[in-house]
């Protein structure tokens, strides 16, 4: 997105958004000067910013492929999908399961505008503009209902999104509501930013950056993150590990020690089965 290009209808180019910031962290071009300025200010206190974004993206892709390739999941809901420019969910899963279907969900109008080009000619994939904090609107959306059969096992992908949901909106209850809407044998992949391994300067910079964006960030502890998986069967994050959570770089990594970078430790992650 260059400065001479007009913003799509409904898009505010004067305030940073989480979707456009994430796009910039990943090296994308669907962002504006205000997003780039905010990201570079954050990078001064959090030099691992790009590493963290790519570690999270790698987890998202590996988890989706694991569900499709090893557990036969053929339909996915990517909640808070954002604007990633490489390795999108439908590309990751259809490489293993060509018949897989994917519904992207985001409330940022920029995502919808971007998706029109991204998904052109892709009949097994769609994007709906909806707020993940309203599960009834998401799960009852005609676009989702036309593509997915929620009586069949489903992959729920909620990566790097729930840290934009405040405690008052009960993010744990939101996850539970989505899981109640899908049958046993469905899977959840979830990642979330944490301050547990960050220096105070980096933590404050994250809060300051998103205070001035369209959504505040809420960093949570390991104990708070583990609550998202209450009642679920966590899987082992890598060979030789016990079932449980990990940092995003380590999940599914061939060499978990090599993948355990400073950037990876910005986000916890886990994958679990609904029994």
Protein backbone atom coordinates (compact mmCIF):
# COMPACT_ATOMS: atom_id res chain seq x y z
CA UNK A 1 0.00 0.00 0.00
CA UNK A 2 1.72 3.17 -1.15
CA UNK A 3 0.99 6.66 0.06
CA UNK A 4 -0.60 7.64 -3.27
CA UNK A 5 -3.09 4.78 -3.14
CA UNK A 6 -6.42 5.66 -1.50
CA UNK A 7 -7.59 3.64 1.48
CA UNK A 8 -10.37 1.13 0.70
CA UNK A 9 -13.89 2.21 1.69
CA UNK A 10 -14.41 2.15 5.45
CA UNK A 11 -10.68 2.00 6.21
CA UNK A 12 -9.16 4.62 8.52
CA UNK A 13 -5.56 5.22 7.45
CA UNK A 14 -4.85 7.60 10.34
CA UNK A 15 -4.93 5.11 13.24
CA UNK A 16 -2.86 1.92 13.48
CA UNK A 17 -4.75 -1.38 13.54
CA UNK A 18 -3.56 -4.77 14.85
CA UNK A 19 -4.11 -6.40 11.45
CA UNK A 20 -2.01 -3.83 9.58
CA UNK A 21 0.70 -3.78 12.25
CA UNK A 22 0.97 -7.58 12.04
CA UNK A 23 1.10 -7.36 8.26
CA UNK A 24 4.03 -4.95 8.54
CA UNK A 25 5.84 -7.13 11.09
CA UNK A 26 5.67 -9.95 8.51
CA UNK A 27 7.01 -7.75 5.72
CA UNK A 28 3.66 -7.18 4.01
CA UNK A 29 2.53 -4.09 2.12
CA UNK A 30 -1.08 -3.81 3.26
CA UNK A 31 -0.35 -1.06 5.76
CA UNK A 32 0.00 2.71 5.98
CA UNK A 33 2.64 5.15 7.21
CA UNK A 34 0.95 5.38 10.61
CA UNK A 35 1.29 1.61 11.06
CA UNK A 36 4.93 1.57 9.99
CA UNK A 37 5.81 4.44 12.31
CA UNK A 38 4.16 2.73 15.28
CA UNK A 39 5.84 -0.58 14.49
CA UNK A 40 9.29 0.95 14.21
CA UNK A 41 8.85 2.76 17.53
CA UNK A 42 7.92 -0.55 19.13
CA UNK A 43 10.92 -2.25 17.54
CA UNK A 44 13.24 0.13 19.40
CA UNK A 45 12.21 -1.51 22.68
CA UNK A 46 11.37 -4.93 21.25
CA UNK A 47 14.02 -5.76 18.61
CA UNK A 48 12.65 -9.33 18.43
CA UNK A 49 9.41 -8.00 16.90
CA UNK A 50 9.79 -9.56 13.46
CA UNK A 51 11.11 -12.82 14.92
CA UNK A 52 8.07 -13.00 17.21
CA UNK A 53 5.64 -12.40 14.35
CA UNK A 54 7.21 -15.05 12.15
CA UNK A 55 7.46 -17.53 15.02
CA UNK A 56 3.73 -17.09 15.59
CA UNK A 57 2.98 -17.42 11.88
CA UNK A 58 5.04 -20.59 11.72
CA UNK A 59 3.08 -22.06 14.63
CA UNK A 60 -0.21 -21.18 12.90
CA UNK A 61 0.84 -22.94 9.71
CA UNK A 62 2.29 -26.03 11.42
CA UNK A 63 -0.76 -26.45 13.65
CA UNK A 64 -3.16 -26.19 10.69
CA UNK A 65 -1.13 -28.68 8.66
CA UNK A 66 -0.94 -31.04 11.66
CA UNK A 67 -4.72 -31.00 12.00
CA UNK A 68 -5.25 -31.61 8.28
CA UNK A 69 -2.44 -34.06 7.67
CA UNK A 70 -2.44 -36.18 10.83
CA UNK A 71 -6.00 -35.90 12.13
CA UNK A 72 -8.16 -35.59 9.04
CA UNK A 73 -9.62 -32.16 9.76
CA UNK A 74 -11.17 -30.85 6.57
CA UNK A 75 -12.73 -27.58 7.67
CA UNK A 76 -11.23 -24.64 9.50
CA UNK A 77 -12.34 -21.36 11.06
CA UNK A 78 -9.50 -18.82 11.20
CA UNK A 79 -10.67 -16.29 13.80
CA UNK A 80 -9.00 -12.88 13.70
CA UNK A 81 -7.20 -13.90 10.53
CA UNK A 82 -5.57 -10.54 9.83
CA UNK A 83 -3.64 -9.72 6.66
CA UNK A 84 -0.79 -12.23 6.32
CA UNK A 85 0.75 -12.19 2.87
CA UNK A 86 2.45 -15.60 2.89
CA UNK A 87 1.50 -19.08 4.03
CA UNK A 88 -2.20 -18.43 4.48
CA UNK A 89 -4.33 -21.09 6.12
CA UNK A 90 -6.00 -22.34 2.94
CA UNK A 91 -2.61 -22.67 1.26
CA UNK A 92 -1.19 -24.61 4.22
CA UNK A 93 -4.05 -27.11 4.52
CA UNK A 94 -4.96 -27.67 0.87
CA UNK A 95 -1.38 -28.70 0.14
CA UNK A 96 -2.19 -31.78 2.26
CA UNK A 97 -5.97 -31.98 1.86
CA UNK A 98 -7.14 -30.43 -1.44
CA UNK A 99 -10.80 -30.66 -0.38
CA UNK A 100 -10.28 -28.69 2.83
CA UNK A 101 -12.47 -25.64 3.39
CA UNK A 102 -11.48 -22.47 5.26
CA UNK A 103 -13.49 -19.53 6.58
CA UNK A 104 -11.49 -16.45 7.55
CA UNK A 105 -13.07 -14.15 10.14
CA UNK A 106 -12.01 -10.58 10.91
CA UNK A 107 -13.75 -7.30 11.68
CA UNK A 108 -11.12 -5.04 10.04
CA UNK A 109 -12.50 -3.77 6.70
CA UNK A 110 -8.94 -3.83 5.31
CA UNK A 111 -8.95 -7.62 5.64
CA UNK A 112 -12.12 -7.89 3.56
CA UNK A 113 -10.68 -5.63 0.86
CA UNK A 114 -7.43 -7.62 0.77
CA UNK A 115 -9.25 -10.95 0.66
CA UNK A 116 -11.14 -10.09 -2.52
CA UNK A 117 -7.86 -10.36 -4.38
CA UNK A 118 -6.30 -13.10 -2.27
CA UNK A 119 -9.25 -15.48 -2.59
CA UNK A 120 -10.20 -14.78 -6.20
CA UNK A 121 -11.17 -18.08 -7.81
CA UNK A 122 -10.89 -20.04 -4.52
CA UNK A 123 -14.33 -21.58 -4.06
CA UNK A 124 -13.49 -23.61 -0.97
CA UNK A 125 -12.42 -20.54 0.99
CA UNK A 126 -14.25 -17.40 2.04
CA UNK A 127 -13.84 -14.43 4.36
CA UNK A 128 -16.55 -12.92 6.53
CA UNK A 129 -16.45 -9.58 8.30
CA UNK A 130 -17.51 -10.24 11.88
CA UNK A 131 -16.32 -9.68 15.44
CA UNK A 132 -15.01 -12.83 17.12
CA UNK A 133 -16.43 -11.42 20.39
CA UNK A 134 -19.89 -12.18 18.96
CA UNK A 135 -19.81 -15.97 18.44
CA UNK A 136 -23.48 -16.10 17.45
CA UNK A 137 -22.89 -13.66 14.59
CA UNK A 138 -19.77 -15.53 13.47
CA UNK A 139 -21.17 -19.05 13.68
CA UNK A 140 -24.52 -18.06 12.23
CA UNK A 141 -23.10 -16.06 9.34
CA UNK A 142 -24.54 -17.23 6.00
CA UNK A 143 -21.07 -17.28 4.45
CA UNK A 144 -19.78 -19.66 7.10
CA UNK A 145 -22.88 -21.83 7.06
CA UNK A 146 -22.72 -22.15 3.27
CA UNK A 147 -19.19 -23.56 3.38
CA UNK A 148 -18.90 -25.51 6.64
CA UNK A 149 -20.86 -28.28 8.33
CA UNK A 150 -20.44 -27.68 12.05
CA UNK A 151 -21.63 -31.19 12.87
CA UNK A 152 -18.25 -32.36 11.52
CA UNK A 153 -14.86 -32.00 13.29
CA UNK A 154 -13.49 -28.50 12.82
CA UNK A 155 -10.16 -26.79 13.32
CA UNK A 156 -10.46 -23.56 15.30
CA UNK A 157 -7.48 -21.25 14.79
CA UNK A 158 -7.18 -18.37 17.26
CA UNK A 159 -3.60 -17.20 16.93
CA UNK A 160 -2.34 -13.85 18.24
CA UNK A 161 -5.86 -12.49 18.60
CA UNK A 162 -7.21 -13.10 22.11
CA UNK A 163 -4.70 -10.69 23.63
CA UNK A 164 -6.89 -8.00 22.06
CA UNK A 165 -9.87 -9.13 24.16
CA UNK A 166 -10.09 -7.55 27.63
CA UNK A 167 -10.81 -9.56 30.77
CA UNK A 168 -14.20 -7.86 31.03
CA UNK A 169 -15.17 -9.47 27.70
CA UNK A 170 -14.22 -12.91 29.11
CA UNK A 171 -11.90 -14.32 26.43
CA UNK A 172 -11.95 -17.70 28.22
CA UNK A 173 -15.72 -17.84 27.93
CA UNK A 174 -15.50 -16.90 24.24
CA UNK A 175 -13.21 -19.84 23.53
CA UNK A 176 -15.59 -22.15 25.38
CA UNK A 177 -18.54 -20.91 23.33
CA UNK A 178 -16.79 -21.63 20.05
CA UNK A 179 -15.80 -25.08 21.25
CA UNK A 180 -19.37 -25.87 22.25
CA UNK A 181 -20.42 -25.14 18.67
CA UNK A 182 -18.18 -27.85 17.19
CA UNK A 183 -18.28 -31.60 17.86
CA UNK A 184 -15.89 -33.84 19.80
CA UNK A 185 -12.80 -34.56 17.74
CA UNK A 186 -12.43 -30.89 16.81
CA UNK A 187 -9.17 -29.09 17.55
CA UNK A 188 -8.17 -25.67 18.88
CA UNK A 189 -4.88 -23.92 18.08
CA UNK A 190 -4.31 -20.82 20.17
CA UNK A 191 -1.44 -18.40 20.75
CA UNK A 192 -1.24 -15.35 22.98
CA UNK A 193 1.31 -12.66 23.83
CA UNK A 194 2.83 -12.64 27.30
CA UNK A 195 5.04 -10.39 29.39
CA UNK A 196 6.51 -13.34 31.30
CA UNK A 197 9.88 -13.22 29.51
CA UNK A 198 9.98 -9.55 28.46
CA UNK A 199 11.89 -6.68 30.09
CA UNK A 200 9.74 -3.86 31.54
CA UNK A 201 10.70 -1.45 28.74
CA UNK A 202 9.43 -3.83 26.06
CA UNK A 203 6.22 -4.49 27.98
CA UNK A 204 5.50 -0.79 28.32
CA UNK A 205 6.26 -0.21 24.64
CA UNK A 206 3.73 -2.89 23.66
CA UNK A 207 1.06 -1.33 25.84
CA UNK A 208 1.84 2.15 24.50
CA UNK A 209 1.74 1.03 20.85
CA UNK A 210 -1.64 -0.64 21.09
CA UNK A 211 -3.08 2.04 23.38
CA UNK A 212 -2.85 4.28 20.32
CA UNK A 213 -4.26 1.69 17.91
CA UNK A 214 -7.82 0.53 17.33
CA UNK A 215 -7.44 -2.24 19.94
CA UNK A 216 -5.57 -2.39 23.24
CA UNK A 217 -3.34 -5.35 24.04
CA UNK A 218 -3.70 -7.48 27.18
CA UNK A 219 -0.58 -9.49 27.97
CA UNK A 220 -1.31 -12.55 30.09
CA UNK A 221 0.62 -14.95 32.29
CA UNK A 222 1.21 -18.64 31.70
CA UNK A 223 -1.47 -19.50 34.26
CA UNK A 224 -4.01 -17.27 32.50
CA UNK A 225 -3.08 -18.81 29.15
CA UNK A 226 -3.49 -22.37 30.40
CA UNK A 227 -7.08 -21.56 31.40
CA UNK A 228 -8.04 -21.41 27.71
CA UNK A 229 -7.57 -25.19 27.54
CA UNK A 230 -9.71 -26.16 30.53
CA UNK A 231 -11.61 -29.33 29.69
CA UNK A 232 -9.55 -30.01 26.55
CA UNK A 233 -6.87 -32.58 25.76
CA UNK A 234 -3.62 -30.75 25.10
CA UNK A 235 -1.23 -32.45 22.69
CA UNK A 236 2.55 -32.63 22.95
CA UNK A 237 4.11 -29.55 21.35
CA UNK A 238 7.08 -31.46 19.89
CA UNK A 239 8.62 -34.94 19.87
CA UNK A 240 9.71 -36.02 23.31
CA UNK A 241 7.62 -33.44 25.15
CA UNK A 242 4.71 -34.05 27.49
CA UNK A 243 1.29 -32.72 26.44
CA UNK A 244 1.08 -29.04 27.30
CA UNK A 245 1.77 -25.52 26.15
CA UNK A 246 4.98 -24.06 24.74
CA UNK A 247 6.35 -20.96 23.10
CA UNK A 248 5.28 -20.49 19.48
CA UNK A 249 8.64 -21.23 17.89
CA UNK A 250 8.93 -24.61 19.59
CA UNK A 251 5.53 -26.11 18.70
CA UNK A 252 6.02 -28.65 15.93
CA UNK A 253 9.64 -27.64 15.45
CA UNK A 254 12.14 -30.24 14.25
CA UNK A 255 14.71 -28.81 16.66
CA UNK A 256 12.89 -27.32 19.67
CA UNK A 257 16.09 -25.96 21.22
CA UNK A 258 17.06 -24.12 18.04
CA UNK A 259 13.53 -22.74 17.73
CA UNK A 260 13.50 -21.39 21.29
CA UNK A 261 14.46 -17.82 20.34
CA UNK A 262 13.83 -14.58 22.23
CA UNK A 263 11.14 -13.69 19.68
CA UNK A 264 9.42 -17.04 20.13
CA UNK A 265 9.11 -16.38 23.86
CA UNK A 266 6.87 -13.38 23.27
CA UNK A 267 3.91 -15.73 22.72
CA UNK A 268 2.62 -18.90 24.37
CA UNK A 269 0.79 -21.46 22.27
CA UNK A 270 -1.01 -24.76 22.49
CA UNK A 271 -3.08 -27.19 20.45
CA UNK A 272 -5.81 -29.26 22.05
CA UNK A 273 -8.58 -31.69 21.12
CA UNK A 274 -12.16 -31.36 22.23
CA UNK A 275 -13.02 -34.73 23.88
